Amino acid sequence: MAGAVAGVGVGFGLSCSTTKLSHRHSSSSSSSSSKTTRPCCVKMAVSLDEKKKKYTLQKSEEAFAAAKELMPGGVNSPVRAFKSVGGQPILMDSVKGSHMWDIDGNEYIDYVGSWGPAIIGHADDEVLAALAETMKKGTSFGAPCLLENTLAEMVISAVPSIEMVRFVNSGTEACMGVLRLARAYTGKERIIKFEGCYHGHADPFLVKAGSGVATLGLPDSPGVPKGATYETLTAPFNDISAVENLFETNKGEIAAMILEPVVGNSGFIAPKPEFLNAIRKITKENGALLIFDEVMTGFRLSYGGAQEYFGVTPDLTTLGKIIGGGLPVGAYGGRREIMEMVAPAGPMYQAGTLSGNPLAMTAGIHTLKRLQEPGSYTYLDKITGELVQGIVDAGKKAGHAMCGGYIRGMFGFFFTEGPVYNFGDAKKSDTAKFARFYRGMLEEGVYFAPSQFEAGFTSLAHTPEDIQKTIAAAEKVLQQI
């Protein structure tokens, strides 16, 4: 069971007491022998007790200086730029299992996991072998292939809300498509999103967004016309009364409500126990669709995603990351009568040249097969709980205000006493202290997301030794900052 850690109650956001809640388990969450739950051994980082070579980023510094002349900010996604933690990005050279190596030869225990997809570990041998076989047949068809059927069947059988699915190429694209679909199906235009929730960089969603927008201090984005966001309404996460007020003042005008059922783009923020059930009830009463953005939580909190974990079924769901096994992918799906609005079955147009790419389908299929093995989610729950408990305990012992939480393979912590129920609470975190902690952990060989406002991820490849080394590193750094 996922638990509350030093200030987190699962289902209660980040709180100041230790709490445990029961929840639904899928069959894939059952316990099993150590043979099925322990990952394969991978190359380990140098022990903290051993003499290490001097940490240097000389090659990364040189390469990034060149990159800034070639790409805006030197990166192809803003949060990679290290703006909120200081210093400069680290250029990675290779990954395997739970570890990464940069171009200077430094080794890191990785808790970013390519921002979530690497739930069975980086560069898994079985996935790589399957990709090699698929590549022999070609890398892109621009036509239907049988692999699309296979992955679609797996997604539909796993996710409670999905009866039909459309594959796309990214989480942003999935959210764009699902929003257009919700408006087409309901004949209404207004949507509700939550402050600090990030649903990609499409114009209608760049209102009080989290993730890189929050990291860079951009509440909205220049270049987004007022008309694109006019129909977007916002409310604080976990605030039921605010949602009720929006429906009351916009009666009969709201097409859908979209949210991350567990927020990962303001840091890790879990829903209060009554929140998801309440908004499910409110949307039904008002003829609006409920959309869960499970790009991050899908297949990570349980095999059926957050909706299976919490027992709340939305009308539509977006997916990404894990279902592509590390390759570019996205998807949206839901009830059959809604999905049949999508072209060519219906009038709502959406298309994509690389959608259903055979390589992405292959990686997704083999990743999901691994997650079906008994004990997978039990193992993720165990190691993630130990990690967060260890870090927060170390912080409190060193005199820092800290709180943190986790569910299965997703976690986060803040440099504030908490509780953290929404983005406003998250912004109370001492981001300058987080930046010092972050840079210290890099030198100790631990790689977290370079922002206080991003969740962390564990994988089946993380070993108990990885966890203990990370906690030991945190104890050292937290005493120094």
Protein backbone atom coordinates (compact mmCIF):
# COMPACT_ATOMS: atom_id res chain seq x y z
CA MET A 1 0.00 0.00 0.00
CA ALA A 2 1.19 3.45 -0.77
CA GLY A 3 1.51 5.50 2.35
CA ALA A 4 1.96 8.90 3.81
CA VAL A 5 5.49 10.02 4.33
CA ALA A 6 6.67 12.65 6.76
CA GLY A 7 3.91 14.96 5.98
CA VAL A 8 1.93 13.30 3.26
CA GLY A 9 -1.34 11.46 3.38
CA VAL A 10 -2.08 9.66 0.15
CA GLY A 11 -5.28 11.21 -1.10
CA PHE A 12 -4.74 14.18 1.24
CA GLY A 13 -2.09 16.13 -0.64
CA LEU A 14 1.02 16.91 1.37
CA SER A 15 0.08 17.13 5.03
CA CYS A 16 1.88 17.26 8.35
CA SER A 17 0.82 13.91 9.75
CA THR A 18 1.61 10.34 8.81
CA THR A 19 -1.50 8.70 7.37
CA LYS A 20 -2.29 5.55 5.43
CA LEU A 21 -5.33 4.99 3.27
CA SER A 22 -6.65 1.82 1.73
CA HIS A 23 -7.21 1.78 -2.00
CA ARG A 24 -8.13 -0.50 -4.84
CA HIS A 25 -5.47 -2.90 -6.03
CA SER A 26 -5.31 -4.33 -9.50
CA SER A 27 -4.31 -7.95 -9.91
CA SER A 28 -0.90 -6.77 -11.06
CA SER A 29 -0.35 -5.13 -7.66
CA SER A 30 -0.26 -8.40 -5.70
CA SER A 31 2.80 -9.55 -3.82
CA SER A 32 5.15 -12.05 -5.36
CA SER A 33 8.48 -13.68 -4.77
CA SER A 34 11.67 -11.69 -4.87
CA LYS A 35 12.48 -13.26 -8.23
CA THR A 36 9.69 -11.30 -9.89
CA THR A 37 10.08 -8.08 -7.96
CA ARG A 38 13.84 -7.59 -7.88
CA PRO A 39 15.29 -5.95 -10.98
CA CYS A 40 18.34 -7.08 -12.82
CA CYS A 41 21.65 -5.76 -11.60
CA VAL A 42 22.99 -2.71 -13.38
CA LYS A 43 26.23 -0.82 -13.13
CA MET A 44 26.29 0.92 -9.72
CA ALA A 45 27.40 4.43 -8.94
CA VAL A 46 30.62 4.75 -6.96
CA SER A 47 29.97 4.34 -3.24
CA LEU A 48 29.78 7.50 -1.20
CA ASP A 49 32.44 6.04 1.06
CA GLU A 50 34.88 5.42 -1.77
CA LYS A 51 37.24 8.02 -3.14
CA LYS A 52 35.62 9.56 -6.18
CA LYS A 53 37.18 11.34 -9.08
CA LYS A 54 36.61 15.08 -9.13
CA TYR A 55 33.17 16.02 -10.38
CA THR A 56 33.53 18.06 -13.53
CA LEU A 57 31.12 19.35 -16.17
CA GLN A 58 33.71 20.81 -18.53
CA LYS A 59 32.47 18.98 -21.63
CA SER A 60 28.84 19.77 -20.82
CA GLU A 61 29.72 23.44 -20.36
CA GLU A 62 31.46 23.57 -23.72
CA ALA A 63 28.67 21.73 -25.51
CA PHE A 64 25.95 23.87 -23.93
CA ALA A 65 27.75 27.07 -24.89
CA ALA A 66 27.63 25.87 -28.48
CA ALA A 67 23.99 24.77 -28.14
CA LYS A 68 22.89 28.27 -27.11
CA GLU A 69 23.97 29.51 -30.53
CA LEU A 70 21.96 26.80 -32.25
CA MET A 71 18.72 26.43 -30.26
CA PRO A 72 16.65 28.90 -28.18
CA GLY A 73 18.14 28.80 -24.69
CA GLY A 74 20.32 25.92 -25.81
CA VAL A 75 17.57 23.34 -25.20
CA ASN A 76 14.52 21.85 -26.90
CA SER A 77 12.29 21.93 -23.81
CA PRO A 78 12.44 24.77 -21.26
CA VAL A 79 12.62 22.87 -17.97
CA ARG A 80 15.87 21.26 -19.12
CA ALA A 81 17.59 24.64 -18.95
CA PHE A 82 18.25 24.55 -15.16
CA LYS A 83 16.85 28.10 -14.85
CA SER A 84 15.37 27.48 -11.39
CA VAL A 85 18.29 25.53 -9.91
CA GLY A 86 21.22 27.52 -11.26
CA GLY A 87 24.20 26.28 -13.15
CA GLN A 88 23.72 24.85 -16.60
CA PRO A 89 22.21 21.73 -18.13
CA ILE A 90 24.11 18.45 -18.09
CA LEU A 91 24.38 16.73 -21.45
CA MET A 92 23.71 13.04 -21.14
CA ASP A 93 25.55 10.40 -23.13
CA SER A 94 23.91 7.09 -22.18
CA VAL A 95 21.39 5.42 -19.89
CA LYS A 96 20.86 1.91 -18.56
CA GLY A 97 18.53 0.60 -15.89
CA SER A 98 18.26 3.23 -13.14
CA HIS A 99 21.46 5.06 -14.11
CA MET A 100 22.64 7.76 -16.50
CA TRP A 101 26.11 8.86 -17.65
CA ASP A 102 26.91 12.36 -18.89
CA ILE A 103 29.45 13.32 -21.55
CA ASP A 104 32.04 14.04 -18.84
CA GLY A 105 31.74 10.47 -17.57
CA ASN A 106 29.82 11.30 -14.37
CA GLU A 107 27.35 8.64 -13.27
CA TYR A 108 23.94 9.37 -11.71
CA ILE A 109 21.11 7.45 -10.10
CA ASP A 110 18.21 8.78 -12.15
CA TYR A 111 14.83 9.80 -10.70
CA VAL A 112 13.56 11.60 -13.81
CA GLY A 113 13.19 8.52 -16.00
CA SER A 114 12.87 10.59 -19.18
CA TRP A 115 10.08 12.45 -17.30
CA GLY A 116 8.18 9.27 -16.54
CA PRO A 117 8.33 6.70 -19.36
CA ALA A 118 11.23 4.61 -18.02
CA ILE A 119 9.14 2.72 -15.46
CA ILE A 120 10.86 -0.60 -16.18
CA GLY A 121 14.27 1.07 -16.45
CA HIS A 122 16.22 2.72 -19.22
CA ALA A 123 17.29 0.78 -22.32
CA ASP A 124 15.66 -2.45 -21.19
CA ASP A 125 17.22 -5.40 -23.02
CA GLU A 126 13.90 -7.00 -23.98
CA VAL A 127 12.48 -3.73 -25.30
CA LEU A 128 15.67 -3.02 -27.26
CA ALA A 129 15.59 -6.49 -28.80
CA ALA A 130 11.96 -6.08 -29.81
CA LEU A 131 12.71 -2.67 -31.32
CA ALA A 132 15.61 -4.13 -33.30
CA GLU A 133 13.30 -6.73 -34.83
CA THR A 134 10.64 -4.13 -35.63
CA MET A 135 13.21 -1.81 -37.22
CA LYS A 136 14.10 -4.52 -39.72
CA LYS A 137 10.61 -4.08 -41.13
CA GLY A 138 10.84 -0.29 -41.24
CA THR A 139 10.58 2.70 -38.94
CA SER A 140 7.40 4.33 -40.24
CA PHE A 141 4.62 3.11 -42.49
CA GLY A 142 2.14 5.99 -42.74
CA ALA A 143 -0.42 3.19 -42.90
CA PRO A 144 -2.16 0.96 -40.35
CA CYS A 145 -0.13 -1.84 -38.77
CA LEU A 146 -1.11 -4.77 -36.56
CA LEU A 147 0.92 -3.42 -33.64
CA GLU A 148 -1.63 -0.62 -33.25
CA ASN A 149 -4.35 -3.20 -32.62
CA THR A 150 -2.24 -4.97 -30.02
CA LEU A 151 -1.41 -1.88 -27.98
CA ALA A 152 -4.97 -0.55 -28.31
CA GLU A 153 -6.35 -3.80 -26.91
CA MET A 154 -3.92 -3.61 -23.98
CA VAL A 155 -4.83 -0.01 -23.18
CA ILE A 156 -8.58 -0.63 -23.45
CA SER A 157 -8.42 -3.70 -21.21
CA ALA A 158 -6.39 -1.81 -18.59
CA VAL A 159 -7.93 1.65 -18.29
CA PRO A 160 -11.52 1.70 -16.92
CA SER A 161 -12.73 4.73 -18.89
CA ILE A 162 -11.38 3.72 -22.29
CA GLU A 163 -13.55 1.78 -24.75
CA MET A 164 -11.89 3.21 -27.86
CA VAL A 165 -8.50 4.91 -28.22
CA ARG A 166 -6.71 7.18 -30.70
CA PHE A 167 -2.90 7.17 -30.74
CA VAL A 168 -1.00 10.41 -31.34
CA ASN A 169 2.60 11.52 -30.88
CA SER A 170 2.78 13.44 -27.59
CA GLY A 171 0.90 14.32 -24.44
CA THR A 172 0.33 17.83 -25.75
CA GLU A 173 -1.24 16.45 -28.92
CA ALA A 174 -3.43 14.09 -26.87
CA CYS A 175 -4.74 16.97 -24.76
CA MET A 176 -5.38 19.11 -27.84
CA GLY A 177 -7.39 16.30 -29.39
CA VAL A 178 -9.38 15.46 -26.29
CA LEU A 179 -10.33 19.11 -25.75
CA ARG A 180 -11.61 19.44 -29.32
CA LEU A 181 -13.51 16.18 -28.89
CA ALA A 182 -15.16 17.31 -25.63
CA ARG A 183 -16.32 20.53 -27.26
CA ALA A 184 -17.58 18.68 -30.34
CA TYR A 185 -19.49 16.12 -28.29
CA THR A 186 -21.13 18.57 -25.88
CA GLY A 187 -21.63 21.50 -28.24
CA LYS A 188 -20.21 23.78 -25.53
CA GLU A 189 -16.95 25.70 -25.44
CA ARG A 190 -15.93 26.54 -21.87
CA ILE A 191 -13.53 24.32 -19.96
CA ILE A 192 -12.28 24.21 -16.39
CA LYS A 193 -8.64 23.48 -15.59
CA PHE A 194 -6.77 23.67 -12.29
CA GLU A 195 -4.02 26.07 -11.29
CA GLY A 196 -0.62 24.43 -11.62
CA CYS A 197 -1.86 21.57 -13.78
CA TYR A 198 -0.02 21.34 -17.09
CA HIS A 199 -1.69 19.80 -20.13
CA GLY A 200 0.88 20.61 -22.77
CA HIS A 201 1.67 23.86 -24.54
CA ALA A 202 -1.49 24.26 -26.59
CA ASP A 203 -2.96 27.78 -26.36
CA PRO A 204 -6.12 26.99 -24.33
CA PHE A 205 -4.11 25.33 -21.57
CA LEU A 206 -1.49 28.03 -20.98
CA VAL A 207 -3.49 29.66 -18.21
CA LYS A 208 -2.06 29.30 -14.71
CA ALA A 209 -0.11 26.28 -15.96
CA GLY A 210 2.50 24.42 -13.97
CA SER A 211 5.65 22.59 -15.06
CA GLY A 212 8.11 24.61 -17.12
CA VAL A 213 5.81 27.63 -17.15
CA ALA A 214 5.98 27.79 -13.36
CA THR A 215 9.69 27.05 -13.34
CA LEU A 216 10.41 29.99 -15.61
CA GLY A 217 8.06 32.32 -13.77
CA LEU A 218 5.74 32.75 -16.77
CA PRO A 219 2.11 32.72 -15.56
CA ASP A 220 0.95 32.71 -19.15
CA SER A 221 2.73 32.83 -22.48
CA PRO A 222 3.21 35.69 -24.95
CA GLY A 223 1.86 34.77 -28.35
CA VAL A 224 -1.33 33.21 -26.99
CA PRO A 225 -4.28 35.27 -28.27
CA LYS A 226 -6.90 36.31 -25.74
CA GLY A 227 -9.53 34.50 -27.76
CA ALA A 228 -7.73 31.17 -27.28
CA THR A 229 -8.01 31.32 -23.50
CA TYR A 230 -11.26 33.25 -23.13
CA GLU A 231 -13.23 30.05 -22.58
CA THR A 232 -10.72 28.59 -20.09
CA LEU A 233 -11.77 28.85 -16.43
CA THR A 234 -9.44 28.00 -13.56
CA ALA A 235 -9.79 26.83 -9.96
CA PRO A 236 -7.34 25.81 -7.22
CA PHE A 237 -6.70 22.06 -7.09
CA ASN A 238 -8.56 20.30 -4.24
CA ASP A 239 -11.04 23.20 -3.89
CA ILE A 240 -14.54 21.79 -4.40
CA SER A 241 -16.36 25.02 -3.56
CA ALA A 242 -14.42 26.89 -6.26
CA VAL A 243 -15.51 24.29 -8.81
CA GLU A 244 -19.13 24.54 -7.69
CA ASN A 245 -19.00 28.33 -8.04
CA LEU A 246 -17.64 28.07 -11.59
CA PHE A 247 -20.47 25.78 -12.64
CA GLU A 248 -23.03 28.04 -10.98
CA THR A 249 -21.79 31.23 -12.65
CA ASN A 250 -21.38 29.50 -16.03
CA LYS A 251 -24.48 27.35 -15.94
CA GLY A 252 -24.97 25.24 -19.03
CA GLU A 253 -21.80 26.57 -20.72
CA ILE A 254 -19.06 24.19 -19.55
CA ALA A 255 -18.05 21.43 -21.94
CA ALA A 256 -15.48 19.68 -19.75
CA MET A 257 -13.21 19.75 -16.77
CA ILE A 258 -9.63 18.54 -17.25
CA LEU A 259 -7.14 17.76 -14.50
CA GLU A 260 -4.18 15.69 -13.47
CA PRO A 261 -5.79 13.32 -10.92
CA VAL A 262 -2.47 13.48 -9.07
CA VAL A 263 -0.66 16.69 -9.89
CA GLY A 264 2.87 16.15 -11.15
CA ASN A 265 3.58 19.50 -12.73
CA SER A 266 3.55 21.57 -9.55
CA GLY A 267 5.57 18.98 -7.73
CA PHE A 268 3.74 15.93 -6.37
CA ILE A 269 0.27 16.87 -5.04
CA ALA A 270 -2.30 14.18 -4.25
CA PRO A 271 -6.07 14.78 -4.22
CA LYS A 272 -7.95 15.04 -0.94
CA PRO A 273 -10.07 11.93 -0.25
CA GLU A 274 -13.37 13.47 -1.34
CA PHE A 275 -12.10 15.62 -4.22
CA LEU A 276 -12.18 13.29 -7.23
CA ASN A 277 -15.55 11.78 -6.30
CA ALA A 278 -16.98 15.25 -5.79
CA ILE A 279 -15.93 16.57 -9.19
CA ARG A 280 -17.17 13.37 -10.82
CA LYS A 281 -20.59 14.06 -9.28
CA ILE A 282 -20.55 17.77 -10.19
CA THR A 283 -19.68 17.17 -13.84
CA LYS A 284 -22.41 14.56 -14.26
CA GLU A 285 -25.00 16.86 -12.70
CA ASN A 286 -24.05 19.67 -15.06
CA GLY A 287 -23.76 17.71 -18.30
CA ALA A 288 -20.00 18.30 -18.56
CA LEU A 289 -17.36 15.72 -19.40
CA LEU A 290 -14.66 14.81 -16.88
CA ILE A 291 -11.20 14.38 -18.43
CA PHE A 292 -8.31 12.81 -16.55
CA ASP A 293 -4.93 13.80 -17.94
CA GLU A 294 -3.04 10.59 -17.15
CA VAL A 295 -0.05 11.29 -19.36
CA MET A 296 2.00 11.11 -16.16
CA THR A 297 -0.09 8.88 -13.86
CA GLY A 298 -1.24 6.36 -16.47
CA PHE A 299 0.21 2.89 -15.80
CA ARG A 300 2.36 4.44 -13.03
CA LEU A 301 0.04 4.55 -10.03
CA SER A 302 -1.48 1.22 -11.00
CA TYR A 303 -1.87 -0.75 -14.20
CA GLY A 304 -5.21 0.98 -14.76
CA GLY A 305 -3.84 4.39 -13.83
CA ALA A 306 -5.06 6.87 -11.24
CA GLN A 307 -8.68 6.15 -12.13
CA GLU A 308 -8.28 2.52 -11.12
CA TYR A 309 -6.23 3.45 -8.05
CA PHE A 310 -8.85 5.90 -6.74
CA GLY A 311 -11.91 4.12 -8.13
CA VAL A 312 -13.16 7.18 -10.05
CA THR A 313 -13.92 6.77 -13.76
CA PRO A 314 -13.79 9.87 -16.00
CA ASP A 315 -15.45 10.21 -19.40
CA LEU A 316 -12.20 10.74 -21.30
CA THR A 317 -8.53 10.08 -20.58
CA THR A 318 -5.23 11.21 -22.07
CA LEU A 319 -2.14 9.00 -21.92
CA GLY A 320 1.50 9.20 -22.98
CA LYS A 321 5.00 8.46 -21.70
CA ILE A 322 4.78 4.84 -20.44
CA ILE A 323 2.57 3.58 -23.28
CA GLY A 324 5.41 4.39 -25.69
CA GLY A 325 8.12 2.82 -23.56
CA GLY A 326 10.36 5.87 -24.00
CA LEU A 327 9.51 6.63 -27.63
CA PRO A 328 7.34 9.63 -28.65
CA VAL A 329 3.68 8.74 -28.09
CA GLY A 330 0.37 10.01 -26.79
CA ALA A 331 -3.22 8.79 -26.78
CA TYR A 332 -6.72 9.82 -25.86
CA GLY A 333 -9.69 7.59 -25.30
CA GLY A 334 -13.04 7.18 -23.58
CA ARG A 335 -16.57 5.97 -23.98
CA ARG A 336 -17.39 4.57 -27.42
CA GLU A 337 -20.20 7.02 -28.18
CA ILE A 338 -17.86 9.94 -27.53
CA MET A 339 -14.88 8.53 -29.42
CA GLU A 340 -17.00 7.78 -32.47
CA MET A 341 -17.12 11.56 -32.99
CA VAL A 342 -13.47 11.37 -34.11
CA ALA A 343 -12.73 11.29 -37.86
CA PRO A 344 -13.09 9.22 -39.92
CA ALA A 345 -15.84 7.63 -37.81
CA GLY A 346 -17.29 11.07 -37.07
CA PRO A 347 -17.01 14.78 -37.92
CA MET A 348 -14.33 15.92 -35.43
CA TYR A 349 -11.08 16.10 -37.37
CA GLN A 350 -7.69 15.11 -35.98
CA ALA A 351 -4.79 13.46 -37.80
CA GLY A 352 -1.09 12.70 -37.55
CA THR A 353 1.49 11.32 -39.99
CA LEU A 354 3.48 9.41 -37.36
CA SER A 355 0.55 8.38 -35.14
CA GLY A 356 0.65 4.67 -34.34
CA ASN A 357 4.34 4.53 -35.23
CA PRO A 358 5.46 0.86 -35.18
CA LEU A 359 8.51 1.53 -33.01
CA ALA A 360 6.50 3.37 -30.36
CA MET A 361 3.82 0.66 -30.43
CA THR A 362 6.46 -2.05 -29.96
CA ALA A 363 8.14 -0.33 -27.02
CA GLY A 364 4.78 0.32 -25.40
CA ILE A 365 3.60 -3.27 -25.79
CA HIS A 366 6.70 -4.72 -24.17
CA THR A 367 6.71 -2.15 -21.38
CA LEU A 368 3.10 -2.91 -20.48
CA LYS A 369 3.78 -6.65 -20.58
CA ARG A 370 6.49 -6.16 -17.96
CA LEU A 371 4.19 -4.13 -15.75
CA GLN A 372 1.65 -6.96 -15.78
CA GLU A 373 4.08 -9.20 -13.90
CA PRO A 374 2.92 -9.87 -10.32
CA GLY A 375 4.54 -7.66 -7.70
CA SER A 376 5.52 -4.79 -10.00
CA TYR A 377 3.52 -2.12 -8.21
CA THR A 378 4.21 -3.59 -4.78
CA TYR A 379 7.91 -3.18 -5.46
CA LEU A 380 7.52 0.39 -6.72
CA ASP A 381 5.49 1.26 -3.65
CA LYS A 382 8.11 -0.16 -1.31
CA ILE A 383 11.19 1.52 -2.74
CA THR A 384 9.48 4.86 -3.34
CA GLY A 385 8.17 4.99 0.22
CA GLU A 386 11.61 4.25 1.61
CA LEU A 387 13.16 6.93 -0.61
CA VAL A 388 10.77 9.73 0.33
CA GLN A 389 10.72 8.79 4.01
CA GLY A 390 14.50 8.76 4.10
CA ILE A 391 14.93 12.13 2.38
CA VAL A 392 12.28 13.94 4.44
CA ASP A 393 13.55 12.44 7.70
CA ALA A 394 17.07 13.55 6.78
CA GLY A 395 15.82 17.05 6.05
CA LYS A 396 13.98 17.37 9.33
CA LYS A 397 16.97 15.99 11.24
CA ALA A 398 19.13 18.69 9.61
CA GLY A 399 16.63 21.36 10.70
CA HIS A 400 14.87 22.01 7.40
CA ALA A 401 11.14 22.49 6.93
CA MET A 402 10.19 19.64 4.60
CA CYS A 403 7.25 17.52 3.55
CA GLY A 404 6.85 14.88 0.88
CA GLY A 405 4.66 12.17 -0.50
CA TYR A 406 4.36 9.36 -2.99
CA ILE A 407 2.05 6.89 -4.66
CA ARG A 408 3.65 3.79 -6.12
CA GLY A 409 6.28 4.98 -8.61
CA MET A 410 5.64 8.74 -8.37
CA PHE A 411 6.85 11.07 -5.61
CA GLY A 412 7.84 14.56 -4.57
CA PHE A 413 9.01 16.70 -1.68
CA PHE A 414 8.94 20.38 -0.82
CA PHE A 415 11.07 22.61 1.39
CA THR A 416 8.08 23.79 3.41
CA GLU A 417 6.24 22.46 6.46
CA GLY A 418 3.08 21.89 4.41
CA PRO A 419 0.42 20.80 3.99
CA VAL A 420 0.54 21.20 0.21
CA TYR A 421 -2.88 20.83 -1.37
CA ASN A 422 -2.50 23.05 -4.45
CA PHE A 423 -0.11 25.19 -6.47
CA GLY A 424 -0.50 28.12 -4.09
CA ASP A 425 0.76 25.93 -1.24
CA ALA A 426 3.56 24.55 -3.42
CA LYS A 427 4.83 28.07 -4.13
CA LYS A 428 5.56 28.48 -0.41
CA SER A 429 8.45 26.04 -0.82
CA ASP A 430 11.95 27.48 -0.41
CA THR A 431 13.04 27.18 -4.03
CA ALA A 432 16.47 28.69 -3.33
CA LYS A 433 17.12 25.94 -0.81
CA PHE A 434 15.87 23.34 -3.29
CA ALA A 435 18.37 24.69 -5.83
CA ARG A 436 21.25 24.25 -3.37
CA PHE A 437 20.04 20.76 -2.51
CA TYR A 438 19.72 19.91 -6.19
CA ARG A 439 23.25 20.96 -7.11
CA GLY A 440 24.65 19.15 -4.08
CA MET A 441 22.88 15.94 -5.06
CA LEU A 442 24.27 16.15 -8.58
CA GLU A 443 27.80 16.13 -7.19
CA GLU A 444 26.87 13.06 -5.14
CA GLY A 445 25.65 11.26 -8.26
CA VAL A 446 21.88 11.68 -7.91
CA TYR A 447 19.76 13.21 -10.68
CA PHE A 448 16.37 14.71 -9.79
CA ALA A 449 14.22 16.91 -12.02
CA PRO A 450 15.80 20.39 -12.19
CA SER A 451 12.75 22.13 -10.72
CA GLN A 452 10.90 22.18 -7.41
CA PHE A 453 7.71 22.02 -9.44
CA GLU A 454 8.21 18.59 -11.01
CA ALA A 455 7.41 15.15 -9.64
CA GLY A 456 10.03 12.41 -9.41
CA PHE A 457 9.82 8.83 -10.68
CA THR A 458 11.17 5.48 -9.60
CA SER A 459 11.40 2.35 -11.74
CA LEU A 460 11.55 -1.41 -11.45
CA ALA A 461 15.27 -1.09 -12.21
CA HIS A 462 15.97 0.91 -9.05
CA THR A 463 17.58 -1.37 -6.48
CA PRO A 464 17.48 -1.14 -2.68
CA GLU A 465 21.14 -0.13 -2.95
CA ASP A 466 20.16 2.80 -5.20
CA ILE A 467 17.67 3.96 -2.61
CA GLN A 468 20.10 3.71 0.30
CA LYS A 469 22.84 5.52 -1.63
CA THR A 470 20.40 8.29 -2.48
CA ILE A 471 19.31 8.67 1.14
CA ALA A 472 22.94 8.73 2.30
CA ALA A 473 23.70 11.41 -0.28
CA ALA A 474 20.69 13.43 0.86
CA GLU A 475 21.77 13.21 4.49
CA LYS A 476 25.18 14.58 3.54
CA VAL A 477 23.87 17.40 1.36
CA LEU A 478 21.09 18.43 3.72
CA GLN A 479 23.61 18.86 6.51
CA GLN A 480 25.66 21.16 4.27
CA ILE A 481 23.05 23.51 2.81
